[in-house]
Amino acid sequence: MVEPRDTGRQPGWAQVVVVAAIVVAVVLGAAMATSLLPTSVQEVVFHTPLTILVLIVGTAWLLWRIARRGPGAPQP
Protein backbone atom coordinates (compact mmCIF):
# COMPACT_ATOMS: atom_id res chain seq x y z
CA MET A 1 0.00 0.00 0.00
CA VAL A 2 1.28 3.45 -0.90
CA GLU A 3 1.54 5.86 1.99
CA PRO A 4 0.20 9.36 1.35
CA ARG A 5 2.99 11.91 1.37
CA ASP A 6 2.80 15.37 2.84
CA THR A 7 2.43 17.79 -0.07
CA GLY A 8 2.69 20.91 2.01
CA ARG A 9 0.08 23.61 2.47
CA GLN A 10 -3.14 23.19 0.51
CA PRO A 11 -4.54 26.21 -1.34
CA GLY A 12 -7.38 28.01 0.37
CA TRP A 13 -10.62 29.35 -1.06
CA ALA A 14 -9.04 32.72 -1.81
CA GLN A 15 -6.40 31.15 -4.08
CA VAL A 16 -9.06 29.08 -5.82
CA VAL A 17 -11.18 32.19 -6.47
CA VAL A 18 -8.16 34.05 -7.85
CA VAL A 19 -7.31 31.21 -10.25
CA ALA A 20 -10.95 30.94 -11.33
CA ALA A 21 -11.11 34.70 -12.00
CA ILE A 22 -7.92 34.52 -14.06
CA VAL A 23 -9.32 31.63 -16.13
CA VAL A 24 -12.56 33.53 -16.77
CA ALA A 25 -10.60 36.65 -17.78
CA VAL A 26 -8.44 34.64 -20.20
CA VAL A 27 -11.49 32.99 -21.80
CA LEU A 28 -13.30 36.32 -22.17
CA GLY A 29 -10.14 37.90 -23.59
CA ALA A 30 -9.81 35.09 -26.12
CA ALA A 31 -13.46 35.52 -27.13
CA MET A 32 -12.98 39.26 -27.63
CA ALA A 33 -9.74 38.74 -29.55
CA THR A 34 -11.45 36.21 -31.81
CA SER A 35 -14.26 38.65 -32.56
CA LEU A 36 -11.68 41.19 -33.79
CA LEU A 37 -10.16 38.76 -36.31
CA PRO A 38 -11.03 39.01 -40.00
CA THR A 39 -13.91 36.81 -41.14
CA SER A 40 -11.62 34.40 -43.02
CA VAL A 41 -9.57 33.73 -39.88
CA GLN A 42 -12.74 33.37 -37.79
CA GLU A 43 -13.86 30.65 -40.21
CA VAL A 44 -10.66 28.71 -39.48
CA VAL A 45 -11.10 29.11 -35.72
CA PHE A 46 -14.78 28.16 -35.66
CA HIS A 47 -14.94 25.49 -38.38
CA THR A 48 -11.79 23.46 -37.69
CA PRO A 49 -10.72 21.47 -34.63
CA LEU A 50 -8.23 24.20 -33.68
CA THR A 51 -9.61 24.62 -30.15
CA ILE A 52 -9.43 20.88 -29.52
CA LEU A 53 -5.83 20.82 -30.74
CA VAL A 54 -4.89 23.70 -28.43
CA LEU A 55 -6.53 21.93 -25.47
CA ILE A 56 -4.74 18.65 -26.23
CA VAL A 57 -1.34 20.33 -26.57
CA GLY A 58 -1.87 22.38 -23.39
CA THR A 59 -2.95 19.34 -21.39
CA ALA A 60 -0.01 17.27 -22.66
CA TRP A 61 2.41 20.08 -21.73
CA LEU A 62 0.93 20.39 -18.24
CA LEU A 63 1.05 16.63 -17.61
CA TRP A 64 4.65 16.54 -18.89
CA ARG A 65 5.62 19.30 -16.44
CA ILE A 66 3.93 17.50 -13.54
CA ALA A 67 5.54 14.16 -14.42
CA ARG A 68 8.96 15.71 -14.89
CA ARG A 69 8.96 17.35 -11.48
CA GLY A 70 9.10 13.99 -9.67
CA PRO A 71 8.44 13.17 -6.03
CA GLY A 72 9.91 15.39 -3.39
CA ALA A 73 10.62 18.25 -5.75
CA PRO A 74 10.22 21.71 -4.26
CA GLN A 75 6.97 23.48 -5.01
CA PRO A 76 7.33 26.59 -7.26
PDB file of N, CA and C in Angstrom:
ATOM      1  N   MET A   1       0.842  -1.180   0.000  1.00  0.00           N
ATOM      2  CA  MET A   1       0.000   0.000   0.000  1.00  0.00           C
ATOM      3  C   MET A   1       0.887   1.242   0.000  1.00  0.00           C
ATOM      4  N   VAL A   2       0.517   2.216  -0.786  1.00  0.00           N
ATOM      5  CA  VAL A   2       1.285   3.451  -0.898  1.00  0.00           C
ATOM      6  C   VAL A   2       0.842   4.406   0.204  1.00  0.00           C
ATOM      7  N   GLU A   3       1.831   4.905   0.926  1.00  0.00           N
ATOM      8  CA  GLU A   3       1.543   5.856   1.995  1.00  0.00           C
ATOM      9  C   GLU A   3       1.359   7.247   1.404  1.00  0.00           C
ATOM     10  N   PRO A   4       0.354   7.989   1.853  1.00  0.00           N
ATOM     11  CA  PRO A   4       0.205   9.362   1.351  1.00  0.00           C
ATOM     12  C   PRO A   4       1.367  10.208   1.844  1.00  0.00           C
ATOM     13  N   ARG A   5       1.876  11.058   0.966  1.00  0.00           N
ATOM     14  CA  ARG A   5       2.986  11.915   1.369  1.00  0.00           C
ATOM     15  C   ARG A   5       2.464  13.319   1.654  1.00  0.00           C
ATOM     16  N   ASP A   6       3.170  14.007   2.489  1.00  0.00           N
ATOM     17  CA  ASP A   6       2.801  15.374   2.838  1.00  0.00           C
ATOM     18  C   ASP A   6       3.168  16.280   1.675  1.00  0.00           C
ATOM     19  N   THR A   7       2.180  16.928   1.088  1.00  0.00           N
ATOM     20  CA  THR A   7       2.432  17.795  -0.067  1.00  0.00           C
ATOM     21  C   THR A   7       2.561  19.255   0.328  1.00  0.00           C
ATOM     22  N   GLY A   8       2.565  19.527   1.589  1.00  0.00           N
ATOM     23  CA  GLY A   8       2.688  20.914   2.015  1.00  0.00           C
ATOM     24  C   GLY A   8       1.323  21.552   2.218  1.00  0.00           C
ATOM     25  N   ARG A   9       1.300  22.847   2.223  1.00  0.00           N
ATOM     26  CA  ARG A   9       0.075  23.607   2.466  1.00  0.00           C
ATOM     27  C   ARG A   9      -0.862  23.517   1.279  1.00  0.00           C
ATOM     28  N   GLN A  10      -2.119  23.248   1.551  1.00  0.00           N
ATOM     29  CA  GLN A  10      -3.139  23.186   0.509  1.00  0.00           C
ATOM     30  C   GLN A  10      -3.659  24.596   0.228  1.00  0.00           C
ATOM     31  N   PRO A  11      -4.020  24.871  -1.033  1.00  0.00           N
ATOM     32  CA  PRO A  11      -4.543  26.206  -1.340  1.00  0.00           C
ATOM     33  C   PRO A  11      -5.894  26.430  -0.669  1.00  0.00           C
ATOM     34  N   GLY A  12      -6.122  27.647  -0.266  1.00  0.00           N
ATOM     35  CA  GLY A  12      -7.384  28.009   0.371  1.00  0.00           C
ATOM     36  C   GLY A  12      -8.386  28.523  -0.641  1.00  0.00           C
ATOM     37  N   TRP A  13      -9.553  28.902  -0.157  1.00  0.00           N
ATOM     38  CA  TRP A  13     -10.616  29.348  -1.062  1.00  0.00           C
ATOM     39  C   TRP A  13     -10.227  30.620  -1.798  1.00  0.00           C
ATOM     40  N   ALA A  14      -9.434  31.468  -1.162  1.00  0.00           N
ATOM     41  CA  ALA A  14      -9.037  32.720  -1.811  1.00  0.00           C
ATOM     42  C   ALA A  14      -8.174  32.447  -3.044  1.00  0.00           C
ATOM     43  N   GLN A  15      -7.246  31.504  -2.937  1.00  0.00           N
ATOM     44  CA  GLN A  15      -6.405  31.155  -4.083  1.00  0.00           C
ATOM     45  C   GLN A  15      -7.229  30.524  -5.199  1.00  0.00           C
ATOM     46  N   VAL A  16      -8.197  29.713  -4.824  1.00  0.00           N
ATOM     47  CA  VAL A  16      -9.065  29.079  -5.819  1.00  0.00           C
ATOM     48  C   VAL A  16      -9.885  30.136  -6.561  1.00  0.00           C
ATOM     49  N   VAL A  17     -10.394  31.121  -5.844  1.00  0.00           N
ATOM     50  CA  VAL A  17     -11.180  32.187  -6.467  1.00  0.00           C
ATOM     51  C   VAL A  17     -10.295  33.013  -7.401  1.00  0.00           C
ATOM     52  N   VAL A  18      -9.070  33.284  -7.000  1.00  0.00           N
ATOM     53  CA  VAL A  18      -8.159  34.052  -7.853  1.00  0.00           C
ATOM     54  C   VAL A  18      -7.871  33.294  -9.146  1.00  0.00           C
ATOM     55  N   VAL A  19      -7.580  32.008  -9.047  1.00  0.00           N
ATOM     56  CA  VAL A  19      -7.307  31.210 -10.246  1.00  0.00           C
ATOM     57  C   VAL A  19      -8.545  31.152 -11.141  1.00  0.00           C
ATOM     58  N   ALA A  20      -9.714  30.973 -10.549  1.00  0.00           N
ATOM     59  CA  ALA A  20     -10.952  30.937 -11.334  1.00  0.00           C
ATOM     60  C   ALA A  20     -11.187  32.268 -12.046  1.00  0.00           C
ATOM     61  N   ALA A  21     -10.935  33.380 -11.381  1.00  0.00           N
ATOM     62  CA  ALA A  21     -11.107  34.700 -12.001  1.00  0.00           C
ATOM     63  C   ALA A  21     -10.127  34.890 -13.151  1.00  0.00           C
ATOM     64  N   ILE A  22      -8.904  34.411 -12.987  1.00  0.00           N
ATOM     65  CA  ILE A  22      -7.918  34.522 -14.065  1.00  0.00           C
ATOM     66  C   ILE A  22      -8.357  33.694 -15.267  1.00  0.00           C
ATOM     67  N   VAL A  23      -8.851  32.494 -15.031  1.00  0.00           N
ATOM     68  CA  VAL A  23      -9.321  31.633 -16.126  1.00  0.00           C
ATOM     69  C   VAL A  23     -10.476  32.291 -16.868  1.00  0.00           C
ATOM     70  N   VAL A  24     -11.423  32.850 -16.131  1.00  0.00           N
ATOM     71  CA  VAL A  24     -12.561  33.529 -16.771  1.00  0.00           C
ATOM     72  C   VAL A  24     -12.071  34.723 -17.591  1.00  0.00           C
ATOM     73  N   ALA A  25     -11.132  35.492 -17.051  1.00  0.00           N
ATOM     74  CA  ALA A  25     -10.599  36.649 -17.781  1.00  0.00           C
ATOM     75  C   ALA A  25      -9.893  36.209 -19.065  1.00  0.00           C
ATOM     76  N   VAL A  26      -9.139  35.128 -19.011  1.00  0.00           N
ATOM     77  CA  VAL A  26      -8.441  34.636 -20.202  1.00  0.00           C
ATOM     78  C   VAL A  26      -9.441  34.185 -21.257  1.00  0.00           C
ATOM     79  N   VAL A  27     -10.478  33.468 -20.848  1.00  0.00           N
ATOM     80  CA  VAL A  27     -11.489  32.994 -21.801  1.00  0.00           C
ATOM     81  C   VAL A  27     -12.237  34.174 -22.429  1.00  0.00           C
ATOM     82  N   LEU A  28     -12.619  35.147 -21.628  1.00  0.00           N
ATOM     83  CA  LEU A  28     -13.300  36.324 -22.174  1.00  0.00           C
ATOM     84  C   LEU A  28     -12.371  37.115 -23.098  1.00  0.00           C
ATOM     85  N   GLY A  29     -11.103  37.225 -22.732  1.00  0.00           N
ATOM     86  CA  GLY A  29     -10.138  37.903 -23.591  1.00  0.00           C
ATOM     87  C   GLY A  29      -9.965  37.189 -24.925  1.00  0.00           C
ATOM     88  N   ALA A  30      -9.924  35.860 -24.881  1.00  0.00           N
ATOM     89  CA  ALA A  30      -9.808  35.089 -26.121  1.00  0.00           C
ATOM     90  C   ALA A  30     -11.050  35.267 -26.990  1.00  0.00           C
ATOM     91  N   ALA A  31     -12.224  35.312 -26.367  1.00  0.00           N
ATOM     92  CA  ALA A  31     -13.460  35.520 -27.125  1.00  0.00           C
ATOM     93  C   ALA A  31     -13.466  36.903 -27.782  1.00  0.00           C
ATOM     94  N   MET A  32     -13.021  37.917 -27.048  1.00  0.00           N
ATOM     95  CA  MET A  32     -12.975  39.262 -27.626  1.00  0.00           C
ATOM     96  C   MET A  32     -11.931  39.349 -28.742  1.00  0.00           C
ATOM     97  N   ALA A  33     -10.781  38.725 -28.528  1.00  0.00           N
ATOM     98  CA  ALA A  33      -9.737  38.740 -29.550  1.00  0.00           C
ATOM     99  C   ALA A  33     -10.212  38.034 -30.816  1.00  0.00           C
ATOM    100  N   THR A  34     -10.930  36.944 -30.657  1.00  0.00           N
ATOM    101  CA  THR A  34     -11.451  36.214 -31.808  1.00  0.00           C
ATOM    102  C   THR A  34     -12.460  37.048 -32.580  1.00  0.00           C
ATOM    103  N   SER A  35     -13.252  37.827 -31.871  1.00  0.00           N
ATOM    104  CA  SER A  35     -14.262  38.647 -32.556  1.00  0.00           C
ATOM    105  C   SER A  35     -13.619  39.763 -33.376  1.00  0.00           C
ATOM    106  N   LEU A  36     -12.378  40.134 -33.054  1.00  0.00           N
ATOM    107  CA  LEU A  36     -11.682  41.190 -33.786  1.00  0.00           C
ATOM    108  C   LEU A  36     -10.960  40.668 -35.027  1.00  0.00           C
ATOM    109  N   LEU A  37     -10.863  39.352 -35.163  1.00  0.00           N
ATOM    110  CA  LEU A  37     -10.162  38.765 -36.312  1.00  0.00           C
ATOM    111  C   LEU A  37     -10.974  38.952 -37.591  1.00  0.00           C
ATOM    112  N   PRO A  38     -10.301  38.956 -38.726  1.00  0.00           N
ATOM    113  CA  PRO A  38     -11.035  39.010 -39.996  1.00  0.00           C
ATOM    114  C   PRO A  38     -11.913  37.759 -40.158  1.00  0.00           C
ATOM    115  N   THR A  39     -12.945  37.887 -40.967  1.00  0.00           N
ATOM    116  CA  THR A  39     -13.912  36.805 -41.138  1.00  0.00           C
ATOM    117  C   THR A  39     -13.248  35.516 -41.621  1.00  0.00           C
ATOM    118  N   SER A  40     -12.268  35.607 -42.508  1.00  0.00           N
ATOM    119  CA  SER A  40     -11.622  34.401 -43.019  1.00  0.00           C
ATOM    120  C   SER A  40     -10.878  33.647 -41.907  1.00  0.00           C
ATOM    121  N   VAL A  41     -10.270  34.378 -40.992  1.00  0.00           N
ATOM    122  CA  VAL A  41      -9.566  33.731 -39.878  1.00  0.00           C
ATOM    123  C   VAL A  41     -10.581  33.181 -38.878  1.00  0.00           C
ATOM    124  N   GLN A  42     -11.683  33.875 -38.677  1.00  0.00           N
ATOM    125  CA  GLN A  42     -12.737  33.372 -37.793  1.00  0.00           C
ATOM    126  C   GLN A  42     -13.282  32.050 -38.308  1.00  0.00           C
ATOM    127  N   GLU A  43     -13.397  31.914 -39.620  1.00  0.00           N
ATOM    128  CA  GLU A  43     -13.864  30.653 -40.215  1.00  0.00           C
ATOM    129  C   GLU A  43     -12.939  29.503 -39.816  1.00  0.00           C
ATOM    130  N   VAL A  44     -11.630  29.750 -39.858  1.00  0.00           N
ATOM    131  CA  VAL A  44     -10.664  28.708 -39.484  1.00  0.00           C
ATOM    132  C   VAL A  44     -10.828  28.347 -38.010  1.00  0.00           C
ATOM    133  N   VAL A  45     -10.974  29.351 -37.163  1.00  0.00           N
ATOM    134  CA  VAL A  45     -11.095  29.111 -35.723  1.00  0.00           C
ATOM    135  C   VAL A  45     -12.376  28.344 -35.405  1.00  0.00           C
ATOM    136  N   PHE A  46     -13.491  28.732 -36.026  1.00  0.00           N
ATOM    137  CA  PHE A  46     -14.782  28.156 -35.663  1.00  0.00           C
ATOM    138  C   PHE A  46     -15.131  26.876 -36.417  1.00  0.00           C
ATOM    139  N   HIS A  47     -14.536  26.635 -37.565  1.00  0.00           N
ATOM    140  CA  HIS A  47     -14.939  25.489 -38.382  1.00  0.00           C
ATOM    141  C   HIS A  47     -13.865  24.420 -38.516  1.00  0.00           C
ATOM    142  N   THR A  48     -12.815  24.504 -37.724  1.00  0.00           N
ATOM    143  CA  THR A  48     -11.788  23.464 -37.690  1.00  0.00           C
ATOM    144  C   THR A  48     -11.584  23.048 -36.233  1.00  0.00           C
ATOM    145  N   PRO A  49     -10.945  21.916 -36.011  1.00  0.00           N
ATOM    146  CA  PRO A  49     -10.717  21.466 -34.629  1.00  0.00           C
ATOM    147  C   PRO A  49      -9.535  22.172 -33.949  1.00  0.00           C
ATOM    148  N   LEU A  50      -9.355  23.440 -34.238  1.00  0.00           N
ATOM    149  CA  LEU A  50      -8.227  24.199 -33.681  1.00  0.00           C
ATOM    150  C   LEU A  50      -8.294  24.267 -32.155  1.00  0.00           C
ATOM    151  N   THR A  51      -9.457  24.515 -31.608  1.00  0.00           N
ATOM    152  CA  THR A  51      -9.609  24.617 -30.154  1.00  0.00           C
ATOM    153  C   THR A  51      -9.268  23.292 -29.488  1.00  0.00           C
ATOM    154  N   ILE A  52      -9.716  22.205 -30.078  1.00  0.00           N
ATOM    155  CA  ILE A  52      -9.427  20.879 -29.520  1.00  0.00           C
ATOM    156  C   ILE A  52      -7.924  20.626 -29.550  1.00  0.00           C
ATOM    157  N   LEU A  53      -7.271  20.992 -30.637  1.00  0.00           N
ATOM    158  CA  LEU A  53      -5.828  20.817 -30.742  1.00  0.00           C
ATOM    159  C   LEU A  53      -5.096  21.629 -29.676  1.00  0.00           C
ATOM    160  N   VAL A  54      -5.520  22.854 -29.460  1.00  0.00           N
ATOM    161  CA  VAL A  54      -4.894  23.700 -28.434  1.00  0.00           C
ATOM    162  C   VAL A  54      -5.086  23.080 -27.050  1.00  0.00           C
ATOM    163  N   LEU A  55      -6.273  22.561 -26.763  1.00  0.00           N
ATOM    164  CA  LEU A  55      -6.527  21.927 -25.468  1.00  0.00           C
ATOM    165  C   LEU A  55      -5.688  20.670 -25.276  1.00  0.00           C
ATOM    166  N   ILE A  56      -5.540  19.870 -26.320  1.00  0.00           N
ATOM    167  CA  ILE A  56      -4.737  18.646 -26.228  1.00  0.00           C
ATOM    168  C   ILE A  56      -3.268  18.985 -25.985  1.00  0.00           C
ATOM    169  N   VAL A  57      -2.743  19.948 -26.737  1.00  0.00           N
ATOM    170  CA  VAL A  57      -1.343  20.335 -26.572  1.00  0.00           C
ATOM    171  C   VAL A  57      -1.111  20.935 -25.178  1.00  0.00           C
ATOM    172  N   GLY A  58      -2.011  21.779 -24.726  1.00  0.00           N
ATOM    173  CA  GLY A  58      -1.870  22.381 -23.395  1.00  0.00           C
ATOM    174  C   GLY A  58      -1.939  21.351 -22.282  1.00  0.00           C
ATOM    175  N   THR A  59      -2.837  20.389 -22.397  1.00  0.00           N
ATOM    176  CA  THR A  59      -2.950  19.340 -21.394  1.00  0.00           C
ATOM    177  C   THR A  59      -1.707  18.461 -21.389  1.00  0.00           C
ATOM    178  N   ALA A  60      -1.217  18.102 -22.570  1.00  0.00           N
ATOM    179  CA  ALA A  60      -0.007  17.275 -22.655  1.00  0.00           C
ATOM    180  C   ALA A  60       1.180  18.000 -22.035  1.00  0.00           C
ATOM    181  N   TRP A  61       1.313  19.306 -22.305  1.00  0.00           N
ATOM    182  CA  TRP A  61       2.406  20.080 -21.730  1.00  0.00           C
ATOM    183  C   TRP A  61       2.320  20.114 -20.207  1.00  0.00           C
ATOM    184  N   LEU A  62       1.105  20.327 -19.684  1.00  0.00           N
ATOM    185  CA  LEU A  62       0.925  20.391 -18.236  1.00  0.00           C
ATOM    186  C   LEU A  62       1.243  19.050 -17.591  1.00  0.00           C
ATOM    187  N   LEU A  63       0.762  17.960 -18.163  1.00  0.00           N
ATOM    188  CA  LEU A  63       1.050  16.633 -17.614  1.00  0.00           C
ATOM    189  C   LEU A  63       2.544  16.324 -17.685  1.00  0.00           C
ATOM    190  N   TRP A  64       3.212  16.742 -18.759  1.00  0.00           N
ATOM    191  CA  TRP A  64       4.652  16.537 -18.890  1.00  0.00           C
ATOM    192  C   TRP A  64       5.398  17.282 -17.778  1.00  0.00           C
ATOM    193  N   ARG A  65       4.976  18.516 -17.507  1.00  0.00           N
ATOM    194  CA  ARG A  65       5.621  19.296 -16.443  1.00  0.00           C
ATOM    195  C   ARG A  65       5.436  18.653 -15.078  1.00  0.00           C
ATOM    196  N   ILE A  66       4.208  18.146 -14.823  1.00  0.00           N
ATOM    197  CA  ILE A  66       3.932  17.500 -13.536  1.00  0.00           C
ATOM    198  C   ILE A  66       4.757  16.225 -13.408  1.00  0.00           C
ATOM    199  N   ALA A  67       4.808  15.420 -14.467  1.00  0.00           N
ATOM    200  CA  ALA A  67       5.537  14.156 -14.420  1.00  0.00           C
ATOM    201  C   ALA A  67       7.038  14.384 -14.300  1.00  0.00           C
ATOM    202  N   ARG A  68       7.539  15.428 -14.895  1.00  0.00           N
ATOM    203  CA  ARG A  68       8.963  15.714 -14.892  1.00  0.00           C
ATOM    204  C   ARG A  68       9.457  16.197 -13.532  1.00  0.00           C
ATOM    205  N   ARG A  69       8.567  16.783 -12.761  1.00  0.00           N
ATOM    206  CA  ARG A  69       8.961  17.351 -11.478  1.00  0.00           C
ATOM    207  C   ARG A  69       9.387  16.255 -10.505  1.00  0.00           C
ATOM    208  N   GLY A  70       8.715  15.126 -10.504  1.00  0.00           N
ATOM    209  CA  GLY A  70       9.103  13.993  -9.669  1.00  0.00           C
ATOM    210  C   GLY A  70       8.725  14.179  -8.208  1.00  0.00           C
ATOM    211  N   PRO A  71       8.806  13.078  -7.445  1.00  0.00           N
ATOM    212  CA  PRO A  71       8.436  13.169  -6.029  1.00  0.00           C
ATOM    213  C   PRO A  71       9.488  13.924  -5.218  1.00  0.00           C
ATOM    214  N   GLY A  72       9.020  14.675  -4.281  1.00  0.00           N
ATOM    215  CA  GLY A  72       9.910  15.392  -3.389  1.00  0.00           C
ATOM    216  C   GLY A  72      10.507  16.658  -3.958  1.00  0.00           C
ATOM    217  N   ALA A  73      10.100  17.028  -5.157  1.00  0.00           N
ATOM    218  CA  ALA A  73      10.624  18.246  -5.751  1.00  0.00           C
ATOM    219  C   ALA A  73      10.011  19.454  -5.051  1.00  0.00           C
ATOM    220  N   PRO A  74      10.778  20.515  -4.907  1.00  0.00           N
ATOM    221  CA  PRO A  74      10.220  21.712  -4.256  1.00  0.00           C
ATOM    222  C   PRO A  74       9.091  22.321  -5.067  1.00  0.00           C
ATOM    223  N   GLN A  75       8.117  22.846  -4.369  1.00  0.00           N
ATOM    224  CA  GLN A  75       6.971  23.480  -5.010  1.00  0.00           C
ATOM    225  C   GLN A  75       7.399  24.853  -5.523  1.00  0.00           C
ATOM    226  N   PRO A  76       6.959  25.249  -6.734  1.00  0.00           N
ATOM    227  CA  PRO A  76       7.334  26.588  -7.258  1.00  0.00           C
ATOM    228  C   PRO A  76       6.650  27.692  -6.501  1.00  0.00           C
TER     229      PRO A  76
END
